[in-house]
């Protein structure tokens, strides 16, 4: 059954070394409530647990959920909750930090904006939904902060992700894999309605 889930990606997609770099950027505190959206085996929840009030991992694949529960139990941490559920069914009302290495579309972003505390930090691995303004941390990691802001244009979005002097949306799309390029093109086509729904809450 675990093999059948490989199409979902690596349940250990976050390495401890990379995540420690993320932590240095976030500077979490004991007041923070951390959510890992699509937590796999729960590594980030275990690694951040000593630094936050509560770490919550959400995983909708049952065998990955069970594996994460076992690893959390072995860790000895008592402030970690692993939930077997879909991320769109969970309340984010107490959240101050979000982390995800899976694609997070506008539906979840809208929910974060509406439910999470003001100033909540969102760390995404990969391309943020267009036209959201983000800050590149390192590699493919980007940080956004609620309330979310909009980039001025496509060039600004491409510049944040690609860097360099003459970035363009065309170059950005060419740098992506087929699924990422498809999602970005769809977001560009629906940019006004997506942003309106986000701003409206």
Protein backbone atom coordinates (compact mmCIF):
# COMPACT_ATOMS: atom_id res chain seq x y z
CA UNK A 1 0.00 0.00 0.00
CA UNK A 2 2.90 2.36 0.72
CA UNK A 3 4.24 1.71 -2.78
CA UNK A 4 0.90 2.75 -4.25
CA UNK A 5 1.37 6.15 -2.61
CA UNK A 6 4.70 6.93 -4.28
CA UNK A 7 2.99 9.11 -6.87
CA UNK A 8 2.28 11.49 -3.99
CA UNK A 9 5.98 12.23 -3.63
CA UNK A 10 8.56 11.44 -1.04
CA UNK A 11 7.13 11.30 2.52
CA UNK A 12 10.59 12.41 3.66
CA UNK A 13 10.75 15.28 1.15
CA UNK A 14 12.01 17.68 3.82
CA UNK A 15 15.56 16.94 4.91
CA UNK A 16 16.50 17.89 8.46
CA UNK A 17 19.37 20.02 7.17
CA UNK A 18 17.12 22.04 4.86
CA UNK A 19 14.44 22.40 7.50
CA UNK A 20 16.97 23.74 9.99
CA UNK A 21 17.70 26.50 7.46
CA UNK A 22 13.97 27.20 7.29
CA UNK A 23 13.90 27.44 11.10
CA UNK A 24 16.72 29.98 11.10
CA UNK A 25 14.63 32.13 8.74
CA UNK A 26 11.42 31.73 10.74
CA UNK A 27 12.79 32.11 14.28
CA UNK A 28 9.82 30.28 15.87
CA UNK A 29 8.88 30.83 19.51
CA UNK A 30 6.91 29.05 22.21
CA UNK A 31 3.89 31.15 21.22
CA UNK A 32 3.76 29.65 17.73
CA UNK A 33 1.40 26.96 16.44
CA UNK A 34 2.95 25.17 13.47
CA UNK A 35 1.02 23.38 10.72
CA UNK A 36 2.67 21.02 8.22
CA UNK A 37 0.29 20.61 5.28
CA UNK A 38 0.85 17.12 3.91
CA UNK A 39 3.28 16.05 6.61
CA UNK A 40 4.35 12.66 5.27
CA UNK A 41 6.27 10.93 8.07
CA UNK A 42 6.18 14.02 10.27
CA UNK A 43 9.84 15.04 10.29
CA UNK A 44 9.32 18.84 10.36
CA UNK A 45 6.80 18.52 13.22
CA UNK A 46 9.34 16.54 15.26
CA UNK A 47 12.19 18.95 14.49
CA UNK A 48 10.25 22.12 15.29
CA UNK A 49 8.39 20.77 18.35
CA UNK A 50 10.97 21.90 20.97
CA UNK A 51 10.71 25.47 19.66
CA UNK A 52 6.91 25.96 19.44
CA UNK A 53 3.78 25.69 21.54
CA UNK A 54 2.20 23.06 19.27
CA UNK A 55 3.09 21.29 16.01
CA UNK A 56 0.29 19.83 13.90
CA UNK A 57 0.87 17.58 10.90
CA UNK A 58 -1.93 16.81 8.46
CA UNK A 59 -1.69 13.71 6.28
CA UNK A 60 -4.51 12.14 4.27
CA UNK A 61 -2.72 8.92 3.34
CA UNK A 62 -3.46 6.39 6.07
CA UNK A 63 -0.17 4.47 6.05
CA UNK A 64 1.90 7.64 6.05
CA UNK A 65 -0.24 8.92 8.90
CA UNK A 66 0.45 5.73 10.89
CA UNK A 67 4.17 5.98 10.17
CA UNK A 68 4.19 9.61 11.32
CA UNK A 69 2.34 8.67 14.53
CA UNK A 70 4.97 6.00 15.27
CA UNK A 71 7.87 8.40 14.62
CA UNK A 72 6.28 11.07 16.83
CA UNK A 73 5.83 8.55 19.64
CA UNK A 74 9.50 7.54 19.33
CA UNK A 75 10.54 11.19 19.50
CA UNK A 76 9.03 11.59 22.97
CA UNK A 77 7.55 14.99 22.11
CA UNK A 78 4.19 15.66 23.73
CA UNK A 79 3.24 18.81 21.81
CA UNK A 80 2.77 17.18 18.38
CA UNK A 81 -0.57 16.18 16.85
CA UNK A 82 -0.72 14.15 13.63
CA UNK A 83 -4.14 14.28 11.99
CA UNK A 84 -5.45 11.84 9.39
CA UNK A 85 -7.48 14.22 7.27
CA UNK A 86 -7.55 16.48 4.22
CA UNK A 87 -6.03 19.91 4.66
CA UNK A 88 -9.19 21.61 3.42
CA UNK A 89 -11.17 20.11 6.35
CA UNK A 90 -8.96 21.36 9.17
CA UNK A 91 -9.40 24.62 11.08
CA UNK A 92 -6.40 26.97 10.95
CA UNK A 93 -7.69 29.38 13.60
CA UNK A 94 -4.74 29.08 15.99
CA UNK A 95 -2.03 28.75 13.33
CA UNK A 96 0.91 31.15 13.17
CA UNK A 97 3.27 29.14 10.91
CA UNK A 98 2.41 27.02 7.87
CA UNK A 99 4.82 24.76 6.01
CA UNK A 100 4.26 22.74 2.87
CA UNK A 101 6.32 20.91 0.28
CA UNK A 102 3.17 19.93 -1.65
CA UNK A 103 1.38 22.27 -4.06
CA UNK A 104 -0.97 24.59 -2.20
CA UNK A 105 -3.58 26.19 -4.42
CA UNK A 106 -5.79 29.22 -3.98
CA UNK A 107 -8.47 27.34 -2.04
CA UNK A 108 -6.09 26.59 0.84
CA UNK A 109 -4.39 29.99 0.59
CA UNK A 110 -7.81 31.65 0.84
CA UNK A 111 -8.61 29.57 3.91
CA UNK A 112 -5.29 30.51 5.56
CA UNK A 113 -5.92 34.19 4.86
CA UNK A 114 -9.40 33.97 6.35
CA UNK A 115 -8.74 31.80 9.42
CA UNK A 116 -5.12 32.18 10.52
CA UNK A 117 -3.85 34.92 12.76
CA UNK A 118 -2.67 38.16 11.20
CA UNK A 119 1.06 37.94 10.54
CA UNK A 120 0.97 34.16 10.03
CA UNK A 121 3.97 32.96 8.07
CA UNK A 122 3.62 30.53 5.18
CA UNK A 123 6.68 28.67 3.91
CA UNK A 124 6.20 26.91 0.58
CA UNK A 125 8.64 24.73 -1.30
CA UNK A 126 8.13 25.54 -4.94
CA UNK A 127 6.19 28.17 -6.78
CA UNK A 128 3.65 30.19 -4.77
CA UNK A 129 0.27 30.69 -6.47
CA UNK A 130 0.20 33.64 -8.89
CA UNK A 131 -0.10 36.62 -8.22
CA UNK A 132 0.98 36.28 -4.58
CA UNK A 133 4.02 38.24 -3.48
CA UNK A 134 6.62 36.20 -1.61
CA UNK A 135 10.14 36.42 -0.31
CA UNK A 136 12.66 33.88 -1.55
CA UNK A 137 14.42 32.27 1.43
CA UNK A 138 16.83 29.88 -0.32
CA UNK A 139 16.62 27.28 -3.07
CA UNK A 140 12.95 26.79 -3.88
CA UNK A 141 11.69 27.91 -0.46
CA UNK A 142 9.50 31.02 -0.30
CA UNK A 143 7.86 32.85 2.60
CA UNK A 144 4.57 34.71 2.53
CA UNK A 145 2.93 36.62 5.39
CA UNK A 146 -0.75 37.30 6.04
CA UNK A 147 -2.43 39.50 5.00
CA UNK A 148 -1.10 38.41 1.62
CA UNK A 149 0.11 40.91 -0.93
CA UNK A 150 -0.10 40.97 -4.72
CA UNK A 151 2.85 41.40 -7.08
CA UNK A 152 2.75 44.42 -9.37
CA UNK A 153 3.01 42.35 -12.54
CA UNK A 154 4.19 39.09 -14.08
CA UNK A 155 7.79 40.32 -14.27
CA UNK A 156 7.95 40.92 -10.51
CA UNK A 157 6.61 37.42 -9.87
CA UNK A 158 9.20 35.91 -12.24
CA UNK A 159 11.99 38.01 -10.70
CA UNK A 160 11.24 36.77 -7.17
CA UNK A 161 11.36 33.16 -8.31
CA UNK A 162 14.14 33.27 -10.93
CA UNK A 163 16.28 36.21 -9.83
CA UNK A 164 18.45 37.91 -12.42
CA UNK A 165 18.04 41.18 -14.26
CA UNK A 166 15.68 40.27 -17.07
CA UNK A 167 13.29 37.63 -15.82
CA UNK A 168 10.05 37.04 -17.70
CA UNK A 169 6.97 34.93 -17.23
CA UNK A 170 7.89 33.07 -20.41
CA UNK A 171 11.29 32.09 -18.96
CA UNK A 172 9.65 31.10 -15.70
CA UNK A 173 7.12 28.85 -17.42
CA UNK A 174 9.90 27.26 -19.48
CA UNK A 175 11.81 26.45 -16.27
CA UNK A 176 8.90 24.52 -14.74
CA UNK A 177 7.79 20.94 -15.21
CA UNK A 178 4.60 20.25 -17.13
CA UNK A 179 2.26 20.17 -14.12
CA UNK A 180 3.70 23.34 -12.57
CA UNK A 181 3.52 25.17 -15.89
CA UNK A 182 -0.11 24.10 -16.36
CA UNK A 183 -1.07 25.29 -12.86
CA UNK A 184 0.68 28.64 -13.34
CA UNK A 185 -0.99 29.26 -16.70
CA UNK A 186 -4.36 28.52 -15.13
CA UNK A 187 -3.65 30.96 -12.29
CA UNK A 188 -2.67 33.66 -14.80
CA UNK A 189 -5.92 33.12 -16.70
CA UNK A 190 -7.97 33.41 -13.50
CA UNK A 191 -5.85 36.01 -11.74
CA UNK A 192 -8.53 38.64 -11.18
CA UNK A 193 -11.19 36.27 -9.86
CA UNK A 194 -8.63 34.47 -7.66
CA UNK A 195 -7.36 37.70 -6.18
CA UNK A 196 -10.86 39.08 -5.68
CA UNK A 197 -11.93 35.95 -3.80
CA UNK A 198 -8.80 36.13 -1.65
CA UNK A 199 -9.13 39.82 -0.86
CA UNK A 200 -12.83 39.41 -0.10
CA UNK A 201 -12.12 36.51 2.27
